[in-house]
Protein backbone atom coordinates (compact mmCIF):
# COMPACT_ATOMS: atom_id res chain seq x y z
CA MET A 1 -5.95 -7.42 2.44
CA ASN A 2 -5.53 -10.04 5.13
CA LEU A 3 -7.22 -13.32 4.28
CA LYS A 4 -5.26 -15.52 6.64
CA GLU A 5 -8.35 -17.35 7.82
CA GLN A 6 -9.32 -18.42 4.32
CA GLU A 7 -5.73 -19.30 3.41
CA TYR A 8 -5.30 -21.49 6.49
CA VAL A 9 -8.54 -23.39 6.03
CA CYS A 10 -7.92 -23.96 2.30
CA ALA A 11 -4.35 -25.12 2.95
CA LEU A 12 -5.51 -27.62 5.58
CA ALA A 13 -8.30 -28.85 3.30
CA GLU A 14 -5.88 -29.32 0.40
CA ASN A 15 -3.11 -30.97 2.44
CA GLY A 16 -5.23 -33.07 4.77
CA THR A 17 -2.88 -32.87 7.73
CA ILE A 18 -1.77 -30.12 10.09
CA THR A 19 1.87 -31.05 9.42
CA ALA A 20 1.69 -30.60 5.68
CA ALA A 21 -0.50 -27.48 5.84
CA ALA A 22 1.72 -25.82 8.46
CA LYS A 23 4.78 -26.53 6.35
CA GLU A 24 3.12 -24.98 3.27
CA LEU A 25 2.03 -21.92 5.30
CA PHE A 26 5.40 -21.53 7.05
CA ILE A 27 3.88 -21.62 10.53
CA SER A 28 4.16 -24.06 13.40
CA GLN A 29 1.82 -27.03 13.71
CA PRO A 30 0.52 -25.99 17.15
CA ALA A 31 -0.22 -22.46 15.90
CA LEU A 32 -2.26 -23.78 12.97
CA SER A 33 -4.08 -26.31 15.16
CA ILE A 34 -5.00 -23.63 17.70
CA TYR A 35 -6.06 -21.25 14.95
CA ILE A 36 -8.39 -23.81 13.35
CA ASN A 37 -9.88 -24.80 16.75
CA ASN A 38 -10.50 -21.15 17.63
CA LEU A 39 -12.03 -20.46 14.23
CA GLU A 40 -14.44 -23.38 14.55
CA LYS A 41 -15.46 -22.19 18.01
CA SER A 42 -16.05 -18.64 16.77
CA LEU A 43 -18.08 -19.89 13.77
CA GLY A 44 -20.00 -22.31 15.94
CA VAL A 45 -19.51 -25.15 13.45
CA ARG A 46 -16.90 -27.82 12.78
CA LEU A 47 -15.15 -27.39 9.47
CA PHE A 48 -13.10 -30.60 9.78
CA GLU A 49 -13.59 -34.10 11.15
CA ARG A 50 -10.46 -35.41 12.76
CA VAL A 51 -9.64 -39.02 11.82
CA GLY A 52 -6.30 -39.85 13.31
CA LYS A 53 -3.94 -37.24 11.85
CA GLN A 54 -6.19 -36.62 8.86
CA PHE A 55 -8.45 -33.57 8.65
CA ILE A 56 -11.50 -34.23 6.47
CA LEU A 57 -13.92 -31.48 5.51
CA THR A 58 -17.43 -31.59 6.94
CA TYR A 59 -20.32 -30.36 4.81
CA ALA A 60 -19.96 -26.93 6.43
CA GLY A 61 -16.24 -27.09 5.71
CA GLU A 62 -16.87 -27.87 2.06
CA GLN A 63 -19.16 -24.86 1.78
CA TYR A 64 -16.61 -22.67 3.60
CA VAL A 65 -13.75 -23.76 1.31
CA GLU A 66 -15.81 -23.24 -1.82
CA LYS A 67 -16.51 -19.61 -0.88
CA ALA A 68 -13.04 -19.04 0.57
CA LYS A 69 -11.46 -20.04 -2.75
CA LEU A 70 -13.65 -17.49 -4.53
CA ILE A 71 -12.64 -14.81 -2.04
CA LEU A 72 -8.95 -15.64 -2.48
CA GLN A 73 -9.28 -15.59 -6.27
CA LEU A 74 -11.03 -12.19 -6.19
CA SER A 75 -8.35 -10.87 -3.86
CA HIS A 76 -5.63 -12.06 -6.24
CA GLU A 77 -7.39 -10.44 -9.21
CA LEU A 78 -7.74 -7.15 -7.30
CA ASP A 79 -4.06 -7.22 -6.34
CA GLU A 80 -3.08 -7.77 -9.96
CA LYS A 81 -5.35 -4.95 -11.16
CA LEU A 82 -3.88 -2.57 -8.56
CA LYS A 83 -0.34 -3.55 -9.60
CA ASP A 84 -1.22 -2.79 -13.22
CA ILE A 85 -2.59 0.61 -12.24
CA THR A 86 0.30 1.58 -9.97
CA GLY A 87 2.82 0.24 -12.46
CA ASN A 88 1.29 2.49 -15.11
CA TYR A 89 0.33 -0.45 -17.28
CA SER A 90 -3.33 0.43 -17.46
CA GLY A 91 -5.70 3.03 -16.22
CA ARG A 92 -7.42 6.19 -17.27
CA ILE A 93 -5.94 9.39 -18.61
CA ARG A 94 -7.82 12.63 -18.17
CA ILE A 95 -6.76 15.54 -20.26
CA PHE A 96 -8.05 19.01 -19.50
CA ALA A 97 -7.46 21.86 -21.89
CA PRO A 98 -9.18 25.10 -21.06
CA CYS A 99 -10.75 26.84 -23.98
CA TYR A 100 -10.19 30.57 -24.21
CA CYS A 101 -12.50 32.47 -26.50
CA LEU A 102 -11.34 35.97 -27.24
CA LEU A 103 -13.92 38.45 -28.26
CA ARG A 104 -12.48 41.16 -30.39
CA LYS A 105 -14.13 44.50 -30.88
CA GLY A 106 -13.44 44.36 -34.59
CA ILE A 107 -15.69 41.39 -35.42
CA SER A 108 -18.65 42.52 -37.50
CA ARG A 109 -22.19 41.23 -37.20
CA SER A 110 -21.74 39.21 -40.35
CA GLY A 111 -19.05 37.16 -38.64
CA SER A 112 -16.15 38.29 -40.79
CA ASP A 113 -12.99 39.26 -39.03
CA PRO A 114 -11.47 42.55 -40.22
CA LEU A 115 -7.98 41.45 -39.20
């Protein structure tokens, strides 16, 4: 699952500067800056106020980060669950055993078997 948008915004919110966030994310500063600007344009709302080199969350940004952290946490939990399943650590076992009932001609009406 690709949650780059949420990861980028959360990293910038936590680090406060493009330089620190880009370093944490292993991307260039211009790439992160362009990404955040394009995201804000596509959302139609500013997530950050720029004060010098500092990026400070707006109210909309605070709401975005709150939900983005939940999304990232759920994604992590899902990844862990899938690893457990594919690693055979947990899951469901279904056992199917067909039942064959043999009717023998020699069974009397009383239910006793002459054999």
